[in-house]
N, C-alpha and C. Protein backbone atom coordinates (compact mmCIF):
# COMPACT_ATOMS: atom_id res chain seq x y z
N MET A 1 50.16 -30.77 37.13
CA MET A 1 49.04 -30.20 36.40
C MET A 1 49.59 -29.50 35.16
N SER A 2 48.96 -29.72 34.03
CA SER A 2 49.40 -29.10 32.79
C SER A 2 49.15 -27.60 32.82
N ASN A 3 49.86 -26.89 31.96
CA ASN A 3 49.67 -25.43 31.87
C ASN A 3 48.23 -25.08 31.50
N TYR A 4 47.64 -25.90 30.62
CA TYR A 4 46.25 -25.66 30.22
C TYR A 4 45.33 -25.75 31.42
N LEU A 5 45.48 -26.80 32.23
CA LEU A 5 44.62 -26.95 33.40
C LEU A 5 44.86 -25.84 34.42
N LYS A 6 46.11 -25.43 34.57
CA LYS A 6 46.40 -24.33 35.50
C LYS A 6 45.71 -23.05 35.03
N LYS A 7 45.82 -22.79 33.72
CA LYS A 7 45.20 -21.58 33.17
C LYS A 7 43.68 -21.66 33.29
N THR A 8 43.11 -22.80 32.96
CA THR A 8 41.66 -22.99 33.06
C THR A 8 41.20 -22.83 34.49
N SER A 9 41.93 -23.43 35.40
CA SER A 9 41.58 -23.32 36.82
C SER A 9 41.65 -21.87 37.28
N LYS A 10 42.69 -21.18 36.87
CA LYS A 10 42.85 -19.77 37.26
C LYS A 10 41.71 -18.92 36.68
N ASN A 11 41.38 -19.14 35.41
CA ASN A 11 40.28 -18.39 34.78
C ASN A 11 38.95 -18.70 35.44
N THR A 12 38.73 -19.96 35.76
CA THR A 12 37.49 -20.35 36.43
C THR A 12 37.38 -19.69 37.79
N LYS A 13 38.45 -19.71 38.55
CA LYS A 13 38.45 -19.07 39.87
C LYS A 13 38.17 -17.58 39.75
N ARG A 14 38.78 -16.94 38.75
CA ARG A 14 38.57 -15.50 38.56
C ARG A 14 37.11 -15.22 38.19
N THR A 15 36.57 -16.02 37.28
CA THR A 15 35.17 -15.84 36.88
C THR A 15 34.23 -16.03 38.07
N LEU A 16 34.45 -17.08 38.84
CA LEU A 16 33.61 -17.33 40.01
C LEU A 16 33.73 -16.21 41.04
N GLN A 17 34.95 -15.71 41.23
CA GLN A 17 35.15 -14.61 42.18
C GLN A 17 34.42 -13.36 41.70
N GLU A 18 34.47 -13.09 40.40
CA GLU A 18 33.75 -11.93 39.85
C GLU A 18 32.25 -12.07 40.08
N MET A 19 31.73 -13.27 39.86
CA MET A 19 30.30 -13.50 40.08
C MET A 19 29.96 -13.31 41.56
N LYS A 20 30.81 -13.83 42.43
CA LYS A 20 30.59 -13.69 43.87
C LYS A 20 30.63 -12.21 44.27
N ASP A 21 31.61 -11.47 43.74
CA ASP A 21 31.75 -10.05 44.08
C ASP A 21 30.55 -9.22 43.63
N ARG A 22 29.93 -9.63 42.55
CA ARG A 22 28.74 -8.92 42.07
C ARG A 22 27.52 -9.25 42.92
N GLY A 23 27.64 -10.28 43.70
CA GLY A 23 26.54 -10.65 44.58
C GLY A 23 25.54 -11.53 43.88
N GLU A 24 24.37 -11.59 44.47
CA GLU A 24 23.32 -12.42 43.91
C GLU A 24 22.82 -11.78 42.62
N LYS A 25 21.71 -12.25 42.16
CA LYS A 25 21.04 -11.67 40.98
C LYS A 25 21.79 -11.95 39.68
N ILE A 26 22.21 -13.18 39.49
CA ILE A 26 22.78 -13.56 38.20
C ILE A 26 21.62 -13.62 37.21
N PRO A 27 21.74 -12.93 36.08
CA PRO A 27 20.64 -12.90 35.11
C PRO A 27 20.25 -14.30 34.65
N SER A 28 18.99 -14.49 34.36
CA SER A 28 18.50 -15.83 34.00
C SER A 28 19.18 -16.37 32.74
N HIS A 29 19.48 -15.50 31.78
CA HIS A 29 20.14 -16.00 30.57
C HIS A 29 21.55 -16.51 30.88
N THR A 30 22.23 -15.89 31.84
CA THR A 30 23.55 -16.35 32.25
C THR A 30 23.44 -17.68 32.99
N ALA A 31 22.46 -17.79 33.87
CA ALA A 31 22.26 -19.04 34.61
C ALA A 31 21.93 -20.18 33.64
N THR A 32 21.14 -19.89 32.63
CA THR A 32 20.80 -20.92 31.63
C THR A 32 22.04 -21.37 30.88
N LYS A 33 22.89 -20.42 30.47
CA LYS A 33 24.12 -20.78 29.76
C LYS A 33 25.03 -21.64 30.63
N ILE A 34 25.16 -21.26 31.90
CA ILE A 34 25.99 -22.04 32.82
C ILE A 34 25.41 -23.45 32.96
N SER A 35 24.11 -23.55 33.14
CA SER A 35 23.46 -24.86 33.27
C SER A 35 23.66 -25.71 32.02
N ASP A 36 23.57 -25.08 30.86
CA ASP A 36 23.74 -25.81 29.60
C ASP A 36 25.17 -26.33 29.43
N MET A 37 26.14 -25.60 29.97
CA MET A 37 27.55 -26.00 29.85
C MET A 37 27.93 -27.12 30.81
N LEU A 38 27.24 -27.21 31.92
CA LEU A 38 27.63 -28.17 32.96
C LEU A 38 26.89 -29.49 32.83
N LYS A 39 27.53 -30.54 33.28
CA LYS A 39 26.91 -31.86 33.30
C LYS A 39 26.46 -32.22 34.72
N ILE A 40 26.48 -31.24 35.60
CA ILE A 40 26.00 -31.42 36.96
C ILE A 40 24.79 -30.52 37.17
N PRO A 41 23.91 -30.88 38.09
CA PRO A 41 22.72 -30.05 38.32
C PRO A 41 23.08 -28.66 38.84
N THR A 42 22.35 -27.68 38.39
CA THR A 42 22.49 -26.32 38.92
C THR A 42 21.20 -25.95 39.64
N ILE A 43 21.36 -25.20 40.70
CA ILE A 43 20.22 -24.80 41.51
C ILE A 43 20.24 -23.29 41.62
N GLY A 44 19.09 -22.67 41.47
CA GLY A 44 19.03 -21.22 41.51
C GLY A 44 17.99 -20.69 42.46
N ILE A 45 18.22 -19.46 42.86
CA ILE A 45 17.23 -18.68 43.60
C ILE A 45 16.98 -17.46 42.73
N ALA A 46 15.86 -17.44 42.07
CA ALA A 46 15.50 -16.34 41.17
C ALA A 46 16.42 -16.26 39.96
N ALA A 47 16.98 -17.40 39.57
CA ALA A 47 17.90 -17.43 38.43
C ALA A 47 17.20 -17.87 37.16
N GLY A 48 15.89 -17.87 37.15
CA GLY A 48 15.14 -18.24 35.97
C GLY A 48 14.88 -19.73 35.90
N SER A 49 14.16 -20.13 34.86
CA SER A 49 13.76 -21.53 34.73
C SER A 49 14.79 -22.38 34.00
N GLY A 50 15.91 -21.80 33.61
CA GLY A 50 16.94 -22.54 32.89
C GLY A 50 17.86 -23.34 33.78
N VAL A 51 17.68 -23.26 35.09
CA VAL A 51 18.48 -24.07 36.01
C VAL A 51 17.73 -25.36 36.30
N ASP A 52 18.42 -26.31 36.92
CA ASP A 52 17.82 -27.63 37.15
C ASP A 52 16.92 -27.69 38.37
N GLY A 53 17.11 -26.81 39.31
CA GLY A 53 16.30 -26.82 40.52
C GLY A 53 16.11 -25.42 41.07
N GLN A 54 15.07 -25.25 41.85
CA GLN A 54 14.75 -23.96 42.44
C GLN A 54 14.80 -24.06 43.96
N VAL A 55 15.26 -23.02 44.61
CA VAL A 55 15.29 -22.97 46.07
C VAL A 55 14.49 -21.77 46.54
N LEU A 56 13.57 -22.01 47.43
CA LEU A 56 12.86 -20.95 48.14
C LEU A 56 12.68 -21.43 49.58
N VAL A 57 12.64 -20.50 50.49
CA VAL A 57 12.42 -20.82 51.90
C VAL A 57 10.94 -21.13 52.09
N ILE A 58 10.64 -22.24 52.74
CA ILE A 58 9.25 -22.70 52.86
C ILE A 58 8.36 -21.66 53.56
N GLN A 59 8.92 -20.95 54.53
CA GLN A 59 8.13 -19.92 55.23
C GLN A 59 7.71 -18.81 54.26
N ASP A 60 8.57 -18.51 53.29
CA ASP A 60 8.24 -17.48 52.30
C ASP A 60 7.20 -18.01 51.31
N VAL A 61 7.39 -19.22 50.84
CA VAL A 61 6.45 -19.83 49.89
C VAL A 61 5.05 -19.93 50.49
N MET A 62 5.00 -20.24 51.77
CA MET A 62 3.71 -20.42 52.45
C MET A 62 3.13 -19.10 52.98
N GLY A 63 3.83 -17.99 52.75
CA GLY A 63 3.31 -16.69 53.13
C GLY A 63 3.25 -16.46 54.63
N MET A 64 4.24 -16.96 55.35
CA MET A 64 4.24 -16.80 56.80
C MET A 64 4.69 -15.41 57.23
N ASN A 65 5.35 -14.69 56.34
CA ASN A 65 5.82 -13.34 56.62
C ASN A 65 5.28 -12.42 55.53
N ASP A 66 4.42 -11.50 55.90
CA ASP A 66 3.82 -10.63 54.88
C ASP A 66 4.67 -9.40 54.57
N GLU A 67 5.80 -9.23 55.26
CA GLU A 67 6.65 -8.06 55.04
C GLU A 67 7.78 -8.33 54.05
N PHE A 68 8.08 -9.58 53.78
CA PHE A 68 9.17 -9.96 52.88
C PHE A 68 8.58 -10.31 51.53
N SER A 69 8.90 -9.52 50.52
CA SER A 69 8.29 -9.76 49.22
C SER A 69 9.23 -9.42 48.07
N PRO A 70 10.32 -10.19 47.92
CA PRO A 70 11.22 -9.92 46.81
C PRO A 70 10.59 -10.32 45.47
N LYS A 71 11.18 -9.85 44.42
CA LYS A 71 10.65 -10.07 43.06
C LYS A 71 10.48 -11.56 42.75
N PHE A 72 11.41 -12.38 43.23
CA PHE A 72 11.41 -13.79 42.86
C PHE A 72 10.44 -14.66 43.64
N LEU A 73 9.75 -14.09 44.62
CA LEU A 73 8.90 -14.89 45.49
C LEU A 73 7.48 -15.02 44.95
N ARG A 74 7.02 -16.23 44.85
CA ARG A 74 5.61 -16.49 44.55
C ARG A 74 5.04 -17.20 45.77
N ARG A 75 4.06 -16.58 46.38
CA ARG A 75 3.42 -17.18 47.56
C ARG A 75 2.32 -18.13 47.10
N TYR A 76 2.28 -19.29 47.72
CA TYR A 76 1.27 -20.28 47.39
C TYR A 76 0.21 -20.40 48.48
N ALA A 77 0.37 -19.63 49.55
CA ALA A 77 -0.61 -19.61 50.63
C ALA A 77 -0.44 -18.30 51.40
N ASP A 78 -1.38 -18.01 52.27
CA ASP A 78 -1.30 -16.83 53.14
C ASP A 78 -1.38 -17.29 54.59
N LEU A 79 -0.35 -18.01 55.03
CA LEU A 79 -0.35 -18.52 56.40
C LEU A 79 -0.16 -17.43 57.43
N HIS A 80 0.38 -16.29 57.03
CA HIS A 80 0.53 -15.18 57.98
C HIS A 80 -0.83 -14.78 58.54
N THR A 81 -1.79 -14.60 57.66
CA THR A 81 -3.14 -14.23 58.10
C THR A 81 -3.76 -15.33 58.93
N VAL A 82 -3.64 -16.56 58.48
CA VAL A 82 -4.21 -17.70 59.21
C VAL A 82 -3.59 -17.81 60.60
N MET A 83 -2.26 -17.73 60.68
CA MET A 83 -1.58 -17.85 61.98
C MET A 83 -1.89 -16.67 62.89
N SER A 84 -1.96 -15.47 62.33
CA SER A 84 -2.29 -14.30 63.14
C SER A 84 -3.69 -14.41 63.73
N GLU A 85 -4.63 -14.83 62.91
CA GLU A 85 -6.01 -14.99 63.36
C GLU A 85 -6.11 -16.08 64.43
N ALA A 86 -5.44 -17.20 64.22
CA ALA A 86 -5.46 -18.29 65.19
C ALA A 86 -4.84 -17.85 66.52
N THR A 87 -3.75 -17.11 66.45
CA THR A 87 -3.10 -16.61 67.67
C THR A 87 -4.01 -15.64 68.40
N ARG A 88 -4.69 -14.77 67.66
CA ARG A 88 -5.63 -13.83 68.27
C ARG A 88 -6.75 -14.58 69.00
N HIS A 89 -7.30 -15.60 68.36
CA HIS A 89 -8.36 -16.40 69.01
C HIS A 89 -7.84 -17.11 70.26
N TYR A 90 -6.64 -17.65 70.18
CA TYR A 90 -6.04 -18.33 71.33
C TYR A 90 -5.89 -17.37 72.51
N ILE A 91 -5.37 -16.18 72.25
CA ILE A 91 -5.18 -15.17 73.31
C ILE A 91 -6.53 -14.79 73.91
N GLU A 92 -7.53 -14.57 73.06
CA GLU A 92 -8.88 -14.24 73.56
C GLU A 92 -9.42 -15.36 74.45
N ASP A 93 -9.26 -16.60 74.02
CA ASP A 93 -9.77 -17.73 74.80
C ASP A 93 -9.05 -17.88 76.13
N VAL A 94 -7.75 -17.66 76.15
CA VAL A 94 -7.00 -17.75 77.41
C VAL A 94 -7.43 -16.62 78.35
N LYS A 95 -7.52 -15.41 77.82
CA LYS A 95 -7.91 -14.26 78.66
C LYS A 95 -9.34 -14.39 79.19
N SER A 96 -10.22 -14.96 78.41
CA SER A 96 -11.61 -15.11 78.85
C SER A 96 -11.82 -16.38 79.69
N VAL A 97 -10.76 -17.09 79.90
CA VAL A 97 -10.74 -18.34 80.68
C VAL A 97 -11.64 -19.42 80.04
N SER A 98 -11.86 -19.33 78.75
CA SER A 98 -12.60 -20.40 78.07
C SER A 98 -11.65 -21.49 77.56
N PHE A 99 -10.36 -21.23 77.65
CA PHE A 99 -9.36 -22.25 77.32
C PHE A 99 -8.33 -22.28 78.42
N PRO A 100 -7.96 -23.42 78.88
CA PRO A 100 -8.57 -24.71 78.56
C PRO A 100 -9.86 -24.91 79.35
N ASN A 101 -10.81 -25.59 78.73
CA ASN A 101 -12.06 -25.89 79.45
C ASN A 101 -11.93 -27.26 80.12
N GLN A 102 -13.01 -27.71 80.71
CA GLN A 102 -12.97 -28.97 81.48
C GLN A 102 -12.56 -30.16 80.62
N SER A 103 -13.09 -30.22 79.40
CA SER A 103 -12.77 -31.37 78.53
C SER A 103 -11.35 -31.33 77.99
N GLU A 104 -10.69 -30.17 78.10
CA GLU A 104 -9.31 -30.03 77.62
C GLU A 104 -8.31 -30.09 78.77
N SER A 105 -8.76 -30.48 79.93
CA SER A 105 -7.91 -30.54 81.12
C SER A 105 -7.91 -31.95 81.68
N TYR A 106 -6.85 -32.30 82.41
CA TYR A 106 -6.78 -33.61 83.07
C TYR A 106 -7.38 -33.54 84.44
């Protein structure tokens, strides 16, 4: 390996380690610059729209947990309320012995 490649590799490793040590939350302008420099796709979580792809957990996107609400999350549904209500109805039906009824049994 040439001295240039060794130096570049060392600098790249140091830069990546510094980014890792700082943790998440790479500013969107930095993510955009990185994406612009690379010829490979970049994927971000709250890294702004300058990356090639976005990652979010489907349970968060669908609003299955109403207690988790980071800045980067946009909910597209409120499944927490829907699931809670459905579970409440199910419990009521089981306790009142209306479920399962004759048509729902073998």
